[in-house]
Amino acid sequence: MSLATPNTSAAPPVAADHPANGADLLRQMGRMGLFKPGVPVALGGDGGQHGDLYANAETARAIAALGPYAPQVFKAQRLTIEALLQSQNVALREFIVPELVLAHRASAAVIGGSALIGQLVGNGWQLNGRFNGVANLVWSGFSLVVPAQLEDNSPGWLMLRSEEDGLYTTPGEDKAAWRGATMGVVTLKQVFFRRDEWLGTDAITTHLHAAAAELDRWFAAAQELPQHP
């Protein structure tokens, strides 16, 4: 597939004002095109390579300038995109990545929690579990990438939709994080999962942990840039 090469020397996007809440913040990032670098053109991105996202620390500073929770919102959405780009599930990737790049749909990838244990029920698996500190839990709907161990299968990653029966969200203890990043708690009670939204196994795990660390370094480097006069 032919990929366009982004202009990494271009000036970073500039926000007009501070969004009022986490949902508005995510939409503004989508309008600014912040999720496009390193995503294939066919999926709504600018093309190029994975590392193109980190070529300009000024872009990270522009994100941080949107508000104190902006890095968490960006990181949650970007890691979901990264998981899908690494996934063997081509149909799901082609369907949802364009929506995530434009921030028409919110998402989060949970890389620090315990894997869900799926129990075989009929033609699918039943999932139970809880994840804390998850960003982008917007009321209009979101997608969630989580680690899972399905019965008789290797551990890996799957995608769930907030519209699933038995999936609940609550604000959690940090009310400021809920307002600023819609960051809270996700609880699963007998959520039914089908194989068509299974993403893959160990390759995704390695990539997500590396991408998360790279994002943290990117935002840290932006903080060290000299202030504009």
C-alpha atoms as a PDB file:
ATOM      1  CA  MET A   1       0.000   0.000   0.000  1.00  0.00           C
ATOM      2  CA  SER A   2       1.326   3.428  -0.924  1.00  0.00           C
ATOM      3  CA  LEU A   3       1.615   5.847   1.954  1.00  0.00           C
ATOM      4  CA  ALA A   4       1.895   9.609   1.715  1.00  0.00           C
ATOM      5  CA  THR A   5       4.791  11.250   3.526  1.00  0.00           C
ATOM      6  CA  PRO A   6       3.670  13.886   6.017  1.00  0.00           C
ATOM      7  CA  ASN A   7       5.347  17.240   6.286  1.00  0.00           C
ATOM      8  CA  THR A   8       6.858  17.012   9.759  1.00  0.00           C
ATOM      9  CA  SER A   9       8.362  20.476   9.465  1.00  0.00           C
ATOM     10  CA  ALA A  10       4.948  22.107   9.297  1.00  0.00           C
ATOM     11  CA  ALA A  11       3.772  24.223  12.182  1.00  0.00           C
ATOM     12  CA  PRO A  12       1.809  22.300  14.829  1.00  0.00           C
ATOM     13  CA  PRO A  13      -1.957  22.767  15.021  1.00  0.00           C
ATOM     14  CA  VAL A  14      -3.146  25.512  17.309  1.00  0.00           C
ATOM     15  CA  ALA A  15      -6.283  25.292  19.465  1.00  0.00           C
ATOM     16  CA  ALA A  16      -8.640  28.254  19.530  1.00  0.00           C
ATOM     17  CA  ASP A  17      -9.737  27.752  23.109  1.00  0.00           C
ATOM     18  CA  HIS A  18     -10.009  25.251  25.948  1.00  0.00           C
ATOM     19  CA  PRO A  19     -12.792  22.655  25.577  1.00  0.00           C
ATOM     20  CA  ALA A  20     -15.283  22.485  28.421  1.00  0.00           C
ATOM     21  CA  ASN A  21     -15.104  18.722  29.052  1.00  0.00           C
ATOM     22  CA  GLY A  22     -13.494  15.486  27.967  1.00  0.00           C
ATOM     23  CA  ALA A  23     -15.914  14.817  25.097  1.00  0.00           C
ATOM     24  CA  ASP A  24     -15.419  18.314  23.665  1.00  0.00           C
ATOM     25  CA  LEU A  25     -11.673  17.949  24.123  1.00  0.00           C
ATOM     26  CA  LEU A  26     -11.589  14.748  22.083  1.00  0.00           C
ATOM     27  CA  ARG A  27     -13.691  16.266  19.296  1.00  0.00           C
ATOM     28  CA  GLN A  28     -11.384  19.266  19.109  1.00  0.00           C
ATOM     29  CA  MET A  29      -8.373  16.982  18.771  1.00  0.00           C
ATOM     30  CA  GLY A  30     -10.131  15.292  15.868  1.00  0.00           C
ATOM     31  CA  ARG A  31     -10.819  18.624  14.158  1.00  0.00           C
ATOM     32  CA  MET A  32      -7.162  19.581  14.599  1.00  0.00           C
ATOM     33  CA  GLY A  33      -6.072  16.361  12.849  1.00  0.00           C
ATOM     34  CA  LEU A  34      -3.948  15.252  15.804  1.00  0.00           C
ATOM     35  CA  PHE A  35      -4.553  11.518  15.311  1.00  0.00           C
ATOM     36  CA  LYS A  36      -3.596  11.429  11.608  1.00  0.00           C
ATOM     37  CA  PRO A  37       0.229  11.145  11.665  1.00  0.00           C
ATOM     38  CA  GLY A  38       1.490   7.616  11.047  1.00  0.00           C
ATOM     39  CA  VAL A  39      -1.951   6.300  10.043  1.00  0.00           C
ATOM     40  CA  PRO A  40      -2.406   5.021   6.451  1.00  0.00           C
ATOM     41  CA  VAL A  41      -4.185   7.398   4.081  1.00  0.00           C
ATOM     42  CA  ALA A  42      -6.695   4.647   3.280  1.00  0.00           C
ATOM     43  CA  LEU A  43      -7.745   4.724   6.945  1.00  0.00           C
ATOM     44  CA  GLY A  44      -8.112   8.492   7.143  1.00  0.00           C
ATOM     45  CA  GLY A  45      -4.583   9.408   8.214  1.00  0.00           C
ATOM     46  CA  ASP A  46      -1.701  11.370   6.747  1.00  0.00           C
ATOM     47  CA  GLY A  47       0.320   8.269   5.904  1.00  0.00           C
ATOM     48  CA  GLY A  48       3.968   7.859   6.803  1.00  0.00           C
ATOM     49  CA  GLN A  49       5.453   5.747   9.570  1.00  0.00           C
ATOM     50  CA  HIS A  50       4.626   5.148  13.222  1.00  0.00           C
ATOM     51  CA  GLY A  51       7.468   7.395  14.372  1.00  0.00           C
ATOM     52  CA  ASP A  52       6.160  10.405  12.433  1.00  0.00           C
ATOM     53  CA  LEU A  53       3.822  11.198  15.321  1.00  0.00           C
ATOM     54  CA  TYR A  54       6.795  11.998  17.541  1.00  0.00           C
ATOM     55  CA  ALA A  55       8.754  14.056  15.012  1.00  0.00           C
ATOM     56  CA  ASN A  56       7.531  17.400  16.355  1.00  0.00           C
ATOM     57  CA  ALA A  57       7.505  18.042  20.101  1.00  0.00           C
ATOM     58  CA  GLU A  58       5.615  21.271  19.433  1.00  0.00           C
ATOM     59  CA  THR A  59       2.589  19.148  18.556  1.00  0.00           C
ATOM     60  CA  ALA A  60       2.742  17.509  21.985  1.00  0.00           C
ATOM     61  CA  ARG A  61       2.892  20.962  23.547  1.00  0.00           C
ATOM     62  CA  ALA A  62      -0.147  22.038  21.502  1.00  0.00           C
ATOM     63  CA  ILE A  63      -2.038  19.021  22.880  1.00  0.00           C
ATOM     64  CA  ALA A  64      -1.008  19.744  26.472  1.00  0.00           C
ATOM     65  CA  ALA A  65      -2.104  23.368  26.029  1.00  0.00           C
ATOM     66  CA  LEU A  66      -5.686  22.198  25.527  1.00  0.00           C
ATOM     67  CA  GLY A  67      -6.014  21.423  29.233  1.00  0.00           C
ATOM     68  CA  PRO A  68      -4.526  19.429  32.112  1.00  0.00           C
ATOM     69  CA  TYR A  69      -6.210  16.174  31.051  1.00  0.00           C
ATOM     70  CA  ALA A  70      -5.527  16.518  27.321  1.00  0.00           C
ATOM     71  CA  PRO A  71      -2.541  14.111  27.295  1.00  0.00           C
ATOM     72  CA  GLN A  72      -4.656  11.360  28.903  1.00  0.00           C
ATOM     73  CA  VAL A  73      -7.448  11.874  26.374  1.00  0.00           C
ATOM     74  CA  PHE A  74      -5.005  11.810  23.467  1.00  0.00           C
ATOM     75  CA  LYS A  75      -3.145   8.781  24.798  1.00  0.00           C
ATOM     76  CA  ALA A  76      -6.323   6.729  25.282  1.00  0.00           C
ATOM     77  CA  GLN A  77      -7.492   7.400  21.720  1.00  0.00           C
ATOM     78  CA  ARG A  78      -4.093   6.978  20.100  1.00  0.00           C
ATOM     79  CA  LEU A  79      -3.330   3.658  21.815  1.00  0.00           C
ATOM     80  CA  THR A  80      -6.619   2.249  20.537  1.00  0.00           C
ATOM     81  CA  ILE A  81      -5.622   3.272  17.021  1.00  0.00           C
ATOM     82  CA  GLU A  82      -2.216   1.667  17.541  1.00  0.00           C
ATOM     83  CA  ALA A  83      -3.817  -1.595  18.682  1.00  0.00           C
ATOM     84  CA  LEU A  84      -6.017  -1.715  15.602  1.00  0.00           C
ATOM     85  CA  LEU A  85      -3.143  -0.925  13.242  1.00  0.00           C
ATOM     86  CA  GLN A  86      -1.282  -3.937  14.686  1.00  0.00           C
ATOM     87  CA  SER A  87      -4.337  -6.193  14.693  1.00  0.00           C
ATOM     88  CA  GLN A  88      -4.890  -9.204  12.472  1.00  0.00           C
ATOM     89  CA  ASN A  89      -8.571  -8.248  12.311  1.00  0.00           C
ATOM     90  CA  VAL A  90      -8.533  -6.363   9.009  1.00  0.00           C
ATOM     91  CA  ALA A  91     -12.303  -5.903   8.766  1.00  0.00           C
ATOM     92  CA  LEU A  92     -12.559  -4.298  12.203  1.00  0.00           C
ATOM     93  CA  ARG A  93      -9.513  -2.098  11.538  1.00  0.00           C
ATOM     94  CA  GLU A  94     -10.911  -0.788   8.253  1.00  0.00           C
ATOM     95  CA  PHE A  95     -14.307  -0.165   9.814  1.00  0.00           C
ATOM     96  CA  ILE A  96     -13.375   1.712  12.967  1.00  0.00           C
ATOM     97  CA  VAL A  97      -9.953   3.378  12.552  1.00  0.00           C
ATOM     98  CA  PRO A  98     -11.313   6.172  10.289  1.00  0.00           C
ATOM     99  CA  GLU A  99     -13.908   6.978  12.960  1.00  0.00           C
ATOM    100  CA  LEU A 100     -11.239   7.098  15.668  1.00  0.00           C
ATOM    101  CA  VAL A 101      -8.851   9.243  13.621  1.00  0.00           C
ATOM    102  CA  LEU A 102     -11.547  11.886  13.187  1.00  0.00           C
ATOM    103  CA  ALA A 103     -12.643  11.417  16.820  1.00  0.00           C
ATOM    104  CA  HIS A 104     -16.168  10.691  15.657  1.00  0.00           C
ATOM    105  CA  ARG A 105     -16.034   7.866  18.178  1.00  0.00           C
ATOM    106  CA  ALA A 106     -14.202   7.832  21.505  1.00  0.00           C
ATOM    107  CA  SER A 107     -12.002   4.965  22.621  1.00  0.00           C
ATOM    108  CA  ALA A 108      -9.466   3.756  25.165  1.00  0.00           C
ATOM    109  CA  ALA A 109      -6.938   0.947  25.406  1.00  0.00           C
ATOM    110  CA  VAL A 110      -6.412  -0.509  28.877  1.00  0.00           C
ATOM    111  CA  ILE A 111      -2.796  -1.637  29.215  1.00  0.00           C
ATOM    112  CA  GLY A 112      -2.377  -1.676  32.991  1.00  0.00           C
ATOM    113  CA  GLY A 113      -5.238  -3.860  34.163  1.00  0.00           C
ATOM    114  CA  SER A 114      -5.604  -7.583  34.703  1.00  0.00           C
ATOM    115  CA  ALA A 115      -6.786  -9.619  31.731  1.00  0.00           C
ATOM    116  CA  LEU A 116     -10.457 -10.486  31.546  1.00  0.00           C
ATOM    117  CA  ILE A 117     -11.219 -14.203  31.797  1.00  0.00           C
ATOM    118  CA  GLY A 118     -13.722 -15.350  29.196  1.00  0.00           C
ATOM    119  CA  GLN A 119     -15.923 -18.360  29.853  1.00  0.00           C
ATOM    120  CA  LEU A 120     -17.328 -20.195  26.840  1.00  0.00           C
ATOM    121  CA  VAL A 121     -21.099 -19.746  26.507  1.00  0.00           C
ATOM    122  CA  GLY A 122     -22.762 -21.003  23.321  1.00  0.00           C
ATOM    123  CA  ASN A 123     -21.123 -19.339  20.318  1.00  0.00           C
ATOM    124  CA  GLY A 124     -19.129 -16.809  22.339  1.00  0.00           C
ATOM    125  CA  TRP A 125     -17.635 -15.953  25.712  1.00  0.00           C
ATOM    126  CA  GLN A 126     -18.974 -14.299  28.834  1.00  0.00           C
ATOM    127  CA  LEU A 127     -16.766 -11.614  30.370  1.00  0.00           C
ATOM    128  CA  ASN A 128     -16.669 -10.191  33.890  1.00  0.00           C
ATOM    129  CA  GLY A 129     -14.255  -7.643  35.289  1.00  0.00           C
ATOM    130  CA  ARG A 130     -13.483  -4.060  36.239  1.00  0.00           C
ATOM    131  CA  PHE A 131     -11.029  -1.414  35.002  1.00  0.00           C
ATOM    132  CA  ASN A 132     -10.214   1.825  36.843  1.00  0.00           C
ATOM    133  CA  GLY A 133      -8.887   5.113  35.486  1.00  0.00           C
ATOM    134  CA  VAL A 134     -10.123   4.683  31.907  1.00  0.00           C
ATOM    135  CA  ALA A 135     -10.418   7.885  29.835  1.00  0.00           C
ATOM    136  CA  ASN A 136     -12.849   8.774  27.022  1.00  0.00           C
ATOM    137  CA  LEU A 137     -15.942   7.147  28.537  1.00  0.00           C
ATOM    138  CA  VAL A 138     -18.218   9.560  26.694  1.00  0.00           C
ATOM    139  CA  TRP A 139     -21.993   9.248  26.931  1.00  0.00           C
ATOM    140  CA  SER A 140     -22.470   9.033  23.150  1.00  0.00           C
ATOM    141  CA  GLY A 141     -20.544   5.757  23.007  1.00  0.00           C
ATOM    142  CA  PHE A 142     -16.978   4.469  23.025  1.00  0.00           C
ATOM    143  CA  SER A 143     -14.881   1.455  22.100  1.00  0.00           C
ATOM    144  CA  LEU A 144     -12.631  -0.288  24.581  1.00  0.00           C
ATOM    145  CA  VAL A 145      -9.531  -2.386  23.861  1.00  0.00           C
ATOM    146  CA  VAL A 146      -8.752  -4.703  26.778  1.00  0.00           C
ATOM    147  CA  PRO A 147      -6.524  -7.707  27.529  1.00  0.00           C
ATOM    148  CA  ALA A 148      -8.344 -11.012  27.775  1.00  0.00           C
ATOM    149  CA  GLN A 149      -7.807 -14.711  28.235  1.00  0.00           C
ATOM    150  CA  LEU A 150     -10.490 -16.671  26.419  1.00  0.00           C
ATOM    151  CA  GLU A 151     -11.061 -20.290  27.359  1.00  0.00           C
ATOM    152  CA  ASP A 152      -8.620 -22.662  25.590  1.00  0.00           C
ATOM    153  CA  ASN A 153      -6.944 -19.741  23.781  1.00  0.00           C
ATOM    154  CA  SER A 154      -3.760 -17.730  24.196  1.00  0.00           C
ATOM    155  CA  PRO A 155      -4.027 -14.412  26.040  1.00  0.00           C
ATOM    156  CA  GLY A 156      -4.594 -11.454  23.761  1.00  0.00           C
ATOM    157  CA  TRP A 157      -6.696  -8.379  23.083  1.00  0.00           C
ATOM    158  CA  LEU A 158     -10.302  -7.754  22.175  1.00  0.00           C
ATOM    159  CA  MET A 159     -12.507  -4.765  21.476  1.00  0.00           C
ATOM    160  CA  LEU A 160     -15.781  -4.057  23.258  1.00  0.00           C
ATOM    161  CA  ARG A 161     -18.410  -1.393  22.628  1.00  0.00           C
ATOM    162  CA  SER A 162     -20.021   0.632  25.390  1.00  0.00           C
ATOM    163  CA  GLU A 163     -23.388  -0.344  23.908  1.00  0.00           C
ATOM    164  CA  GLU A 164     -22.880  -3.969  25.004  1.00  0.00           C
ATOM    165  CA  ASP A 165     -25.390  -5.283  27.547  1.00  0.00           C
ATOM    166  CA  GLY A 166     -23.715  -5.566  30.946  1.00  0.00           C
ATOM    167  CA  LEU A 167     -21.055  -2.891  30.384  1.00  0.00           C
ATOM    168  CA  TYR A 168     -21.358  -0.011  32.866  1.00  0.00           C
ATOM    169  CA  THR A 169     -19.385   3.182  33.511  1.00  0.00           C
ATOM    170  CA  THR A 170     -19.146   5.290  36.688  1.00  0.00           C
ATOM    171  CA  PRO A 171     -17.122   8.439  37.445  1.00  0.00           C
ATOM    172  CA  GLY A 172     -14.831   6.946  40.069  1.00  0.00           C
ATOM    173  CA  GLU A 173     -13.315   8.899  42.956  1.00  0.00           C
ATOM    174  CA  ASP A 174     -11.548  11.605  40.934  1.00  0.00           C
ATOM    175  CA  LYS A 175     -14.419  13.856  39.857  1.00  0.00           C
ATOM    176  CA  ALA A 176     -12.051  16.360  38.208  1.00  0.00           C
ATOM    177  CA  ALA A 177     -10.698  13.582  35.966  1.00  0.00           C
ATOM    178  CA  TRP A 178     -14.268  12.630  35.055  1.00  0.00           C
ATOM    179  CA  ARG A 179     -15.016  16.208  33.983  1.00  0.00           C
ATOM    180  CA  GLY A 180     -11.696  16.799  32.244  1.00  0.00           C
ATOM    181  CA  ALA A 181     -11.188  13.452  30.493  1.00  0.00           C
ATOM    182  CA  THR A 182     -14.414  11.492  31.152  1.00  0.00           C
ATOM    183  CA  MET A 183     -12.067   9.207  33.078  1.00  0.00           C
ATOM    184  CA  GLY A 184     -13.716   6.682  35.346  1.00  0.00           C
ATOM    185  CA  VAL A 185     -14.487   3.036  36.005  1.00  0.00           C
ATOM    186  CA  VAL A 186     -15.650   0.387  33.524  1.00  0.00           C
ATOM    187  CA  THR A 187     -17.456  -2.643  34.961  1.00  0.00           C
ATOM    188  CA  LEU A 188     -18.360  -5.734  32.951  1.00  0.00           C
ATOM    189  CA  LYS A 189     -21.088  -8.067  34.213  1.00  0.00           C
ATOM    190  CA  GLN A 190     -21.698 -11.090  32.004  1.00  0.00           C
ATOM    191  CA  VAL A 191     -20.852  -9.212  28.810  1.00  0.00           C
ATOM    192  CA  PHE A 192     -21.167 -11.494  25.792  1.00  0.00           C
ATOM    193  CA  PHE A 193     -18.256 -11.424  23.341  1.00  0.00           C
ATOM    194  CA  ARG A 194     -18.047 -12.906  19.838  1.00  0.00           C
ATOM    195  CA  ARG A 195     -14.880 -13.797  17.960  1.00  0.00           C
ATOM    196  CA  ASP A 196     -15.369 -11.097  15.269  1.00  0.00           C
ATOM    197  CA  GLU A 197     -13.914  -8.409  17.560  1.00  0.00           C
ATOM    198  CA  TRP A 198     -10.829 -10.363  18.664  1.00  0.00           C
ATOM    199  CA  LEU A 199      -7.737  -8.292  17.803  1.00  0.00           C
ATOM    200  CA  GLY A 200      -4.744 -10.559  18.332  1.00  0.00           C
ATOM    201  CA  THR A 201      -2.119 -11.744  20.799  1.00  0.00           C
ATOM    202  CA  ASP A 202       1.441 -10.980  21.937  1.00  0.00           C
ATOM    203  CA  ALA A 203       2.513  -8.663  19.104  1.00  0.00           C
ATOM    204  CA  ILE A 204      -0.147  -6.156  20.166  1.00  0.00           C
ATOM    205  CA  THR A 205       0.938  -6.372  23.811  1.00  0.00           C
ATOM    206  CA  THR A 206       4.547  -5.537  22.964  1.00  0.00           C
ATOM    207  CA  HIS A 207       3.580  -2.700  20.649  1.00  0.00           C
ATOM    208  CA  LEU A 208       1.088  -1.085  23.044  1.00  0.00           C
ATOM    209  CA  HIS A 209       3.527  -0.995  25.950  1.00  0.00           C
ATOM    210  CA  ALA A 210       6.215   0.496  23.712  1.00  0.00           C
ATOM    211  CA  ALA A 211       3.791   3.053  22.257  1.00  0.00           C
ATOM    212  CA  ALA A 212       2.576   4.084  25.718  1.00  0.00           C
ATOM    213  CA  ALA A 213       6.137   4.674  26.894  1.00  0.00           C
ATOM    214  CA  GLU A 214       6.910   6.618  23.718  1.00  0.00           C
ATOM    215  CA  LEU A 215       3.892   8.869  24.233  1.00  0.00           C
ATOM    216  CA  ASP A 216       4.962   9.576  27.811  1.00  0.00           C
ATOM    217  CA  ARG A 217       8.453  10.552  26.628  1.00  0.00           C
ATOM    218  CA  TRP A 218       6.963  12.726  23.882  1.00  0.00           C
ATOM    219  CA  PHE A 219       4.841  14.735  26.308  1.00  0.00           C
ATOM    220  CA  ALA A 220       7.740  14.977  28.776  1.00  0.00           C
ATOM    221  CA  ALA A 221      10.019  16.367  26.041  1.00  0.00           C
ATOM    222  CA  ALA A 222       7.352  18.947  25.171  1.00  0.00           C
ATOM    223  CA  GLN A 223       7.415  20.239  28.744  1.00  0.00           C
ATOM    224  CA  GLU A 224      11.132  20.947  28.420  1.00  0.00           C
ATOM    225  CA  LEU A 225      10.755  23.130  25.317  1.00  0.00           C
ATOM    226  CA  PRO A 226      11.478  26.854  25.849  1.00  0.00           C
ATOM    227  CA  GLN A 227       8.377  28.934  26.341  1.00  0.00           C
ATOM    228  CA  HIS A 228       7.226  31.112  23.459  1.00  0.00           C
ATOM    229  CA  PRO A 229       7.735  34.840  24.164  1.00  0.00           C
END
